[in-house]
């Protein structure tokens, strides 16, 4: 081979090897210009699942005398039903929240568009209920915040056809500045008022001030989830069912040892799962248990030691986490080793937070880690039927949605892991 040709080939190889995706820098926190609205008009509207065929509508009004009622129906401007709910408010140092309303509507038909109005005032909203059978699609994005990248992530999610949004913690990044909870509510309202958002808490929701303010006061007041409907004693952990999936939302910042309320609740909840009815079993939490990023190393180890046996014995299919501002997908794993009957663990804390990306990884890459990249983005999981689901991660590549990682996942119900499981392997759930 000619020397010049050899040099050219080597140059091409060098370029190919060294060429990497250039990660964009963090974007600035969004500014929200003040706009005057009538005090009785709803603001920050979002919806969540609230038991069988029911939806919780949540919103805020400045008017403390506004009614917690929701009118709704299947035709624009024609409301065939009306529900009355509850309200709350909270104080945080010198901040006083508006009146926070939570009203449950239903029973509702599956896979149906409803039009609704909150408190008899303001504009009409519309929502779509999720289907009651497969297929069903979930959008997933954690650690959202309120930056330009958050806006990009939400734009991409808005382009996908999804039924439910799952958020594994760190919503607003208000970080004690309570008006940032209000601006976050405004930011997500276009999406969160039309599809149910199911969330769990992260470290940025704590906001506790010793002797002055209890932790999670803002989060619990604003984002009420169906914990009572799932027999939990805390809004920080709960479960729900939709179509053929049972989904458990765990609290990384609630007590989780074997003597805790959360541990006993989880054990009882998993024991009641009927895999004939809900063949797919998913878990969300904030702090990842499997993480090869240098950020937040080891923070989930204690919770993992306490609860991983419960998830393994229940044959959980997929565990989704946030906290680490990057993306990572594992192989099926249990106790640090590849295991065909263990869950797939996914870290997706890359929704657009103000702190930027966590770009440093541990080398060499652990054997259980299948894919990892520090970029902003969101995930989608389409559960096609009782045996197959398609997971994809979409990078926000300079505002263009790019599917950067994808995989077909077989349910553990179809893999034989449950049928081969002996009684002794499930005794931790009894």
Protein backbone atom coordinates (compact mmCIF):
# COMPACT_ATOMS: atom_id res chain seq x y z
CA UNK A 1 0.00 0.00 0.00
CA UNK A 2 1.30 3.44 -0.94
CA UNK A 3 2.55 5.58 2.04
CA UNK A 4 0.15 8.38 1.17
CA UNK A 5 -2.78 5.94 1.09
CA UNK A 6 -1.72 4.42 4.42
CA UNK A 7 -1.56 7.90 5.95
CA UNK A 8 -5.01 8.76 4.61
CA UNK A 9 -6.51 5.55 6.01
CA UNK A 10 -4.90 6.13 9.40
CA UNK A 11 -6.17 9.69 9.41
CA UNK A 12 -9.72 8.53 8.69
CA UNK A 13 -9.50 5.92 11.46
CA UNK A 14 -8.18 8.53 13.86
CA UNK A 15 -11.00 10.92 13.04
CA UNK A 16 -13.60 8.14 13.39
CA UNK A 17 -12.28 7.06 16.78
CA UNK A 18 -11.95 10.56 18.23
CA UNK A 19 -15.23 11.91 16.86
CA UNK A 20 -17.70 12.16 19.74
CA UNK A 21 -20.99 13.88 20.29
CA UNK A 22 -20.22 17.41 21.48
CA UNK A 23 -22.49 18.05 24.45
CA UNK A 24 -24.14 21.46 24.50
CA UNK A 25 -23.69 23.67 27.57
CA UNK A 26 -26.42 24.27 30.18
CA UNK A 27 -29.03 26.84 29.25
CA UNK A 28 -30.16 29.73 31.38
CA UNK A 29 -33.07 29.56 33.79
CA UNK A 30 -36.24 30.75 32.10
CA UNK A 31 -37.77 34.12 32.94
CA UNK A 32 -41.53 34.33 33.35
CA UNK A 33 -42.95 37.82 32.77
CA UNK A 34 -45.73 38.66 35.17
CA UNK A 35 -49.18 38.55 33.60
CA UNK A 36 -52.30 39.64 35.42
CA UNK A 37 -55.14 37.13 35.60
CA UNK A 38 -58.47 37.36 37.39
CA UNK A 39 -57.92 36.02 40.90
CA UNK A 40 -60.64 33.38 40.54
CA UNK A 41 -59.25 31.94 37.31
CA UNK A 42 -57.35 28.62 37.50
CA UNK A 43 -53.58 28.57 37.21
CA UNK A 44 -50.97 25.79 37.12
CA UNK A 45 -53.50 23.13 36.14
CA UNK A 46 -52.25 19.54 36.18
CA UNK A 47 -53.92 16.16 36.32
CA UNK A 48 -53.06 12.76 37.80
CA UNK A 49 -54.60 9.30 38.01
CA UNK A 50 -56.69 8.76 41.14
CA UNK A 51 -57.92 5.20 41.26
CA UNK A 52 -60.08 3.17 38.88
CA UNK A 53 -61.34 5.31 35.99
CA UNK A 54 -60.81 8.54 37.90
CA UNK A 55 -58.63 11.59 37.50
CA UNK A 56 -57.53 14.22 40.00
CA UNK A 57 -57.59 17.79 38.68
CA UNK A 58 -55.28 20.16 40.60
CA UNK A 59 -54.97 23.92 40.21
CA UNK A 60 -54.27 27.16 42.07
CA UNK A 61 -56.29 30.35 42.44
CA UNK A 62 -55.36 33.64 44.06
CA UNK A 63 -58.96 33.99 45.18
CA UNK A 64 -59.27 32.17 48.52
CA UNK A 65 -63.06 31.98 48.10
CA UNK A 66 -62.91 30.18 44.72
CA UNK A 67 -64.79 26.88 44.58
CA UNK A 68 -63.03 23.51 44.21
CA UNK A 69 -65.42 22.30 41.51
CA UNK A 70 -64.78 20.79 38.11
CA UNK A 71 -67.38 20.60 35.33
CA UNK A 72 -66.63 18.11 32.57
CA UNK A 73 -68.01 16.31 29.55
CA UNK A 74 -67.07 14.83 26.19
CA UNK A 75 -68.13 17.83 24.10
CA UNK A 76 -66.62 21.33 24.15
CA UNK A 77 -68.61 23.70 26.35
CA UNK A 78 -71.14 21.02 27.27
CA UNK A 79 -70.60 19.62 30.75
CA UNK A 80 -72.63 16.59 31.72
CA UNK A 81 -71.06 16.10 35.16
CA UNK A 82 -69.71 18.13 38.04
CA UNK A 83 -67.48 17.18 40.98
CA UNK A 84 -66.55 19.03 44.14
CA UNK A 85 -63.18 18.49 45.78
CA UNK A 86 -60.95 19.82 48.52
CA UNK A 87 -58.47 22.64 48.92
CA UNK A 88 -55.39 23.50 50.91
CA UNK A 89 -52.72 26.17 51.20
CA UNK A 90 -49.42 26.59 52.96
CA UNK A 91 -47.05 29.24 54.30
CA UNK A 92 -43.31 29.15 53.80
CA UNK A 93 -41.49 31.86 55.74
CA UNK A 94 -42.76 35.08 54.12
CA UNK A 95 -44.50 33.31 51.24
CA UNK A 96 -48.19 32.41 51.25
CA UNK A 97 -49.47 30.09 48.56
CA UNK A 98 -52.67 30.60 46.66
CA UNK A 99 -55.61 28.31 47.25
CA UNK A 100 -54.59 24.87 45.97
CA UNK A 101 -57.52 22.78 44.71
CA UNK A 102 -57.69 19.00 44.25
CA UNK A 103 -60.85 17.56 42.72
CA UNK A 104 -61.42 13.98 41.57
CA UNK A 105 -63.63 13.45 38.53
CA UNK A 106 -65.10 10.22 37.22
CA UNK A 107 -65.84 7.49 36.52
CA UNK A 108 -64.37 8.20 33.09
CA UNK A 109 -64.29 6.18 29.90
CA UNK A 110 -60.84 4.93 28.83
CA UNK A 111 -59.01 6.41 25.85
CA UNK A 112 -61.48 9.30 25.67
CA UNK A 113 -61.11 13.07 25.34
CA UNK A 114 -62.88 15.12 28.02
CA UNK A 115 -63.34 18.87 28.20
CA UNK A 116 -63.33 20.49 31.63
CA UNK A 117 -63.47 23.80 33.46
CA UNK A 118 -62.11 24.48 36.95
CA UNK A 119 -64.08 26.46 39.51
CA UNK A 120 -66.59 27.64 36.92
CA UNK A 121 -64.10 30.27 35.75
CA UNK A 122 -61.52 30.83 33.04
CA UNK A 123 -60.66 28.86 29.96
CA UNK A 124 -61.73 25.35 29.04
CA UNK A 125 -59.14 22.59 29.22
CA UNK A 126 -59.13 19.17 27.65
CA UNK A 127 -57.60 15.87 28.72
CA UNK A 128 -57.32 12.40 27.29
CA UNK A 129 -57.74 9.39 29.54
CA UNK A 130 -55.27 6.51 29.08
CA UNK A 131 -56.39 3.25 27.52
CA UNK A 132 -57.48 0.35 29.70
CA UNK A 133 -55.59 -2.21 27.64
CA UNK A 134 -52.40 -2.47 25.59
CA UNK A 135 -50.79 -0.74 23.85
CA UNK A 136 -49.95 2.14 26.19
CA UNK A 137 -47.11 4.66 26.00
CA UNK A 138 -45.36 6.44 28.86
CA UNK A 139 -43.14 9.51 28.51
CA UNK A 140 -40.36 9.63 31.10
CA UNK A 141 -38.24 12.61 32.15
CA UNK A 142 -36.68 13.38 35.51
CA UNK A 143 -34.87 16.37 37.00
CA UNK A 144 -36.77 18.85 34.86
CA UNK A 145 -36.20 22.29 36.34
CA UNK A 146 -36.97 25.47 34.44
CA UNK A 147 -34.25 26.09 31.88
CA UNK A 148 -34.03 26.37 28.14
CA UNK A 149 -33.24 22.65 28.03
CA UNK A 150 -36.37 21.94 30.08
CA UNK A 151 -38.34 23.78 27.44
CA UNK A 152 -36.66 21.71 24.73
CA UNK A 153 -37.44 18.46 26.55
CA UNK A 154 -41.10 19.41 27.02
CA UNK A 155 -41.34 20.35 23.33
CA UNK A 156 -40.03 16.92 22.37
CA UNK A 157 -42.40 15.13 24.74
CA UNK A 158 -45.27 17.14 23.28
CA UNK A 159 -44.39 15.72 19.85
CA UNK A 160 -44.67 12.10 20.94
CA UNK A 161 -47.98 10.28 21.31
CA UNK A 162 -48.01 9.31 24.96
CA UNK A 163 -50.70 8.48 27.50
CA UNK A 164 -49.05 9.11 30.88
CA UNK A 165 -45.99 11.10 31.97
CA UNK A 166 -43.72 9.53 34.62
CA UNK A 167 -41.37 11.83 36.56
CA UNK A 168 -38.83 10.23 38.95
CA UNK A 169 -38.22 13.28 41.14
CA UNK A 170 -36.80 16.83 41.08
CA UNK A 171 -39.61 18.81 39.53
CA UNK A 172 -39.29 22.57 39.83
CA UNK A 173 -35.83 23.17 41.33
CA UNK A 174 -37.51 25.90 43.36
CA UNK A 175 -34.92 25.33 46.10
CA UNK A 176 -36.74 27.31 48.81
CA UNK A 177 -37.80 30.10 46.37
CA UNK A 178 -41.51 29.36 46.48
CA UNK A 179 -42.53 31.52 43.54
CA UNK A 180 -40.52 29.09 41.41
CA UNK A 181 -43.11 26.44 42.21
CA UNK A 182 -45.67 28.80 40.66
CA UNK A 183 -43.60 29.39 37.53
CA UNK A 184 -42.97 25.67 37.17
CA UNK A 185 -46.72 25.08 37.29
CA UNK A 186 -47.17 27.59 34.50
CA UNK A 187 -44.37 26.04 32.44
CA UNK A 188 -45.73 22.49 32.49
CA UNK A 189 -49.46 23.34 32.40
CA UNK A 190 -49.90 22.86 28.62
CA UNK A 191 -48.75 19.23 28.93
CA UNK A 192 -49.71 18.45 32.53
CA UNK A 193 -53.31 19.61 32.07
CA UNK A 194 -53.89 17.26 29.13
CA UNK A 195 -52.17 14.00 30.19
CA UNK A 196 -51.75 12.61 33.71
CA UNK A 197 -48.42 13.36 35.35
CA UNK A 198 -47.39 10.80 37.95
CA UNK A 199 -44.46 12.05 40.02
CA UNK A 200 -42.32 11.14 42.98
CA UNK A 201 -40.08 13.34 45.08
CA UNK A 202 -36.40 14.15 44.71
CA UNK A 203 -33.88 15.91 46.93
CA UNK A 204 -34.85 19.32 45.52
CA UNK A 205 -38.36 18.85 46.88
CA UNK A 206 -37.15 18.59 50.51
CA UNK A 207 -36.93 22.33 51.26
CA UNK A 208 -36.92 21.69 55.02
CA UNK A 209 -35.77 24.33 57.47
CA UNK A 210 -35.15 22.92 60.97
CA UNK A 211 -37.63 24.20 63.56
CA UNK A 212 -39.38 26.35 60.94
CA UNK A 213 -40.57 24.37 57.92
CA UNK A 214 -41.23 20.63 57.53
CA UNK A 215 -39.77 18.87 54.52
CA UNK A 216 -41.83 18.45 51.35
CA UNK A 217 -44.49 20.97 52.46
CA UNK A 218 -44.63 22.59 49.02
CA UNK A 219 -44.49 19.32 47.08
CA UNK A 220 -47.16 17.59 49.16
CA UNK A 221 -49.51 20.57 48.97
CA UNK A 222 -49.22 21.06 45.22
CA UNK A 223 -48.65 17.57 43.79
CA UNK A 224 -51.06 15.23 45.51
CA UNK A 225 -50.73 11.68 44.22
CA UNK A 226 -53.01 8.64 44.80
CA UNK A 227 -51.30 7.46 47.99
CA UNK A 228 -54.57 7.03 49.88
CA UNK A 229 -56.06 5.08 46.99
CA UNK A 230 -53.10 2.67 47.18
CA UNK A 231 -53.27 2.34 50.98
CA UNK A 232 -50.06 4.27 51.60
CA UNK A 233 -49.71 6.57 54.60
CA UNK A 234 -47.56 9.10 52.72
CA UNK A 235 -47.70 11.12 49.52
CA UNK A 236 -44.00 10.27 49.12
CA UNK A 237 -44.70 6.68 48.01
CA UNK A 238 -47.70 5.05 46.35
CA UNK A 239 -48.72 2.82 43.46
CA UNK A 240 -51.27 2.82 40.66
CA UNK A 241 -52.43 0.62 37.81
CA UNK A 242 -53.10 1.64 34.24
CA UNK A 243 -53.88 -0.65 31.30
CA UNK A 244 -51.85 -3.78 32.09
CA UNK A 245 -49.12 -2.18 34.21
CA UNK A 246 -48.70 -1.91 37.97
CA UNK A 247 -46.43 1.03 38.75
CA UNK A 248 -44.80 1.66 42.13
CA UNK A 249 -43.48 5.12 43.04
CA UNK A 250 -40.95 4.90 45.87
CA UNK A 251 -39.63 7.65 48.13
CA UNK A 252 -35.85 7.91 48.23
CA UNK A 253 -36.19 10.47 51.04
CA UNK A 254 -38.70 8.61 53.19
CA UNK A 255 -37.53 5.95 55.65
CA UNK A 256 -36.95 2.69 53.81
CA UNK A 257 -35.32 0.20 56.19
CA UNK A 258 -37.09 -3.05 57.07
CA UNK A 259 -38.78 -1.42 60.08
CA UNK A 260 -40.16 1.54 58.14
CA UNK A 261 -43.72 2.19 57.02
CA UNK A 262 -42.55 2.43 53.41
CA UNK A 263 -40.89 -0.99 53.53
CA UNK A 264 -43.97 -2.66 54.97
CA UNK A 265 -46.23 -0.86 52.51
CA UNK A 266 -44.04 -1.91 49.55
CA UNK A 267 -43.96 -5.51 50.72
CA UNK A 268 -47.77 -5.60 50.99
CA UNK A 269 -48.28 -3.77 47.69
CA UNK A 270 -46.04 -6.13 45.72
CA UNK A 271 -47.67 -9.17 47.30
CA UNK A 272 -51.07 -8.03 45.98
CA UNK A 273 -49.97 -7.60 42.36
CA UNK A 274 -51.89 -9.88 40.01
CA UNK A 275 -49.59 -10.55 37.05
CA UNK A 276 -52.48 -12.03 35.11
CA UNK A 277 -54.18 -8.62 35.28
CA UNK A 278 -51.04 -6.46 35.20
CA UNK A 279 -48.25 -8.49 33.58
CA UNK A 280 -45.89 -5.50 33.63
CA UNK A 281 -44.40 -4.28 36.92
CA UNK A 282 -42.47 -0.98 36.98
CA UNK A 283 -40.83 0.96 39.81
CA UNK A 284 -39.79 4.62 39.94
CA UNK A 285 -37.55 6.30 42.51
CA UNK A 286 -35.19 9.24 42.54
CA UNK A 287 -31.75 8.01 43.60
CA UNK A 288 -30.47 5.25 41.28
CA UNK A 289 -29.34 1.91 42.67
CA UNK A 290 -27.16 1.09 39.66
CA UNK A 291 -25.04 4.03 38.57
CA UNK A 292 -21.64 4.09 36.85
CA UNK A 293 -21.53 7.88 36.72
CA UNK A 294 -19.13 9.52 39.17
CA UNK A 295 -21.93 11.80 40.35
CA UNK A 296 -23.90 10.66 43.42
CA UNK A 297 -21.91 7.45 43.71
CA UNK A 298 -23.20 5.15 46.43
CA UNK A 299 -26.11 7.34 47.51
CA UNK A 300 -28.67 4.65 46.73
CA UNK A 301 -26.75 1.76 48.30
CA UNK A 302 -28.59 1.64 51.63
CA UNK A 303 -32.03 1.73 50.00
CA UNK A 304 -30.88 -0.87 47.47
CA UNK A 305 -29.66 -3.17 50.26
CA UNK A 306 -33.04 -2.94 52.00
CA UNK A 307 -35.41 -3.14 49.06
CA UNK A 308 -33.69 -4.83 46.12
CA UNK A 309 -34.63 -8.32 47.42
CA UNK A 310 -38.32 -7.30 47.45
CA UNK A 311 -38.16 -6.08 43.85
CA UNK A 312 -36.30 -9.17 42.70
CA UNK A 313 -38.70 -11.56 44.41
CA UNK A 314 -41.65 -9.71 42.86
CA UNK A 315 -39.95 -9.92 39.45
CA UNK A 316 -40.04 -6.21 38.67
CA UNK A 317 -39.46 -5.61 34.96
CA UNK A 318 -38.08 -2.08 34.93
CA UNK A 319 -36.75 0.45 37.47
CA UNK A 320 -36.55 4.14 36.47
CA UNK A 321 -34.54 6.72 38.43
CA UNK A 322 -33.31 10.30 38.18
CA UNK A 323 -30.88 12.33 40.34
CA UNK A 324 -27.82 11.76 38.13
CA UNK A 325 -27.94 14.31 35.32
CA UNK A 326 -27.23 11.84 32.55
CA UNK A 327 -28.66 8.75 30.91
CA UNK A 328 -27.76 5.13 31.59
CA UNK A 329 -29.40 1.79 30.83
CA UNK A 330 -28.42 -1.48 32.43
CA UNK A 331 -28.76 -5.07 31.38
CA UNK A 332 -31.04 -7.19 33.56
CA UNK A 333 -29.21 -7.19 36.87
CA UNK A 334 -29.52 -8.30 40.49
CA UNK A 335 -27.07 -7.94 43.37
CA UNK A 336 -24.49 -6.37 41.09
CA UNK A 337 -24.47 -9.20 38.55
CA UNK A 338 -26.23 -9.83 35.27
CA UNK A 339 -29.35 -11.88 35.94
CA UNK A 340 -32.00 -12.74 33.33
CA UNK A 341 -34.70 -12.50 36.04
CA UNK A 342 -33.61 -9.12 37.41
CA UNK A 343 -34.97 -5.70 36.41
CA UNK A 344 -33.60 -3.40 33.76
CA UNK A 345 -32.42 -0.24 35.54
CA UNK A 346 -32.57 3.11 33.74
CA UNK A 347 -31.28 6.45 34.99
CA UNK A 348 -32.94 9.36 33.22
CA UNK A 349 -32.18 12.49 35.25
CA UNK A 350 -31.48 14.52 32.12
CA UNK A 351 -34.67 16.54 31.70
CA UNK A 352 -33.04 19.97 31.70
CA UNK A 353 -32.01 20.98 35.23
CA UNK A 354 -30.08 24.17 35.98
CA UNK A 355 -27.01 22.34 37.33
CA UNK A 356 -25.90 20.93 33.99
CA UNK A 357 -24.86 17.44 32.94
CA UNK A 358 -22.87 14.86 34.89
CA UNK A 359 -20.34 13.92 32.22
CA UNK A 360 -17.76 11.86 34.15
CA UNK A 361 -18.14 8.09 34.23
CA UNK A 362 -16.31 5.31 36.00
CA UNK A 363 -13.92 3.37 33.76
CA UNK A 364 -13.97 0.60 32.82
CA UNK A 365 -17.72 0.46 32.24
CA UNK A 366 -19.29 -2.14 34.58
CA UNK A 367 -20.45 -5.37 32.93
CA UNK A 368 -24.04 -4.68 33.98
CA UNK A 369 -24.08 -1.28 32.19
CA UNK A 370 -25.32 -1.49 28.59
CA UNK A 371 -25.43 2.16 27.47
CA UNK A 372 -24.54 5.52 29.04
CA UNK A 373 -24.32 9.10 27.84
CA UNK A 374 -24.44 12.55 29.42
CA UNK A 375 -26.95 14.49 27.35
CA UNK A 376 -30.31 16.14 27.92
CA UNK A 377 -33.34 14.19 26.75
CA UNK A 378 -36.37 12.08 27.64
CA UNK A 379 -37.46 8.46 27.39
CA UNK A 380 -40.50 6.67 26.04
CA UNK A 381 -41.73 3.20 26.85
CA UNK A 382 -44.45 1.68 24.71
CA UNK A 383 -45.88 -1.45 26.24
CA UNK A 384 -47.16 -3.23 23.16
CA UNK A 385 -48.70 -6.29 24.80
CA UNK A 386 -48.26 -8.57 27.81
CA UNK A 387 -44.90 -9.82 26.59
CA UNK A 388 -43.13 -6.99 24.75
CA UNK A 389 -42.29 -3.34 25.38
CA UNK A 390 -40.15 -0.93 23.37
CA UNK A 391 -37.91 1.51 25.27
CA UNK A 392 -36.28 4.47 23.53
CA UNK A 393 -34.21 7.40 24.77
CA UNK A 394 -34.38 10.63 22.77
CA UNK A 395 -31.49 13.05 23.04
CA UNK A 396 -32.20 16.78 22.75
CA UNK A 397 -29.62 17.23 20.01
CA UNK A 398 -29.65 20.98 19.46
CA UNK A 399 -33.45 20.96 19.59
CA UNK A 400 -33.87 18.04 17.21
CA UNK A 401 -35.23 14.81 18.74
CA UNK A 402 -32.75 12.00 18.14
CA UNK A 403 -33.38 8.40 19.18
CA UNK A 404 -29.99 7.60 20.63
CA UNK A 405 -30.74 4.35 22.43
CA UNK A 406 -33.52 1.80 22.09
CA UNK A 407 -34.25 -1.79 23.05
CA UNK A 408 -37.07 -4.31 23.04
CA UNK A 409 -37.79 -5.63 26.53
CA UNK A 410 -39.48 -8.95 27.20
CA UNK A 411 -41.66 -9.09 30.30
CA UNK A 412 -40.51 -11.41 33.05
CA UNK A 413 -43.98 -12.96 32.98
CA UNK A 414 -43.24 -14.23 29.47
CA UNK A 415 -39.66 -15.24 30.25
CA UNK A 416 -40.55 -18.03 32.64
CA UNK A 417 -38.97 -16.30 35.65
CA UNK A 418 -42.26 -16.30 37.57
CA UNK A 419 -43.33 -19.82 36.71
CA UNK A 420 -39.90 -21.19 37.64
CA UNK A 421 -39.79 -19.24 40.88
CA UNK A 422 -40.06 -21.44 43.92
CA UNK A 423 -42.12 -20.55 46.97
CA UNK A 424 -39.01 -19.81 49.02
CA UNK A 425 -37.88 -17.14 46.56
CA UNK A 426 -41.07 -15.16 47.19
CA UNK A 427 -41.21 -15.58 50.94
CA UNK A 428 -39.89 -12.04 51.50
CA UNK A 429 -43.22 -10.76 50.13
CA UNK A 430 -45.34 -12.78 52.54
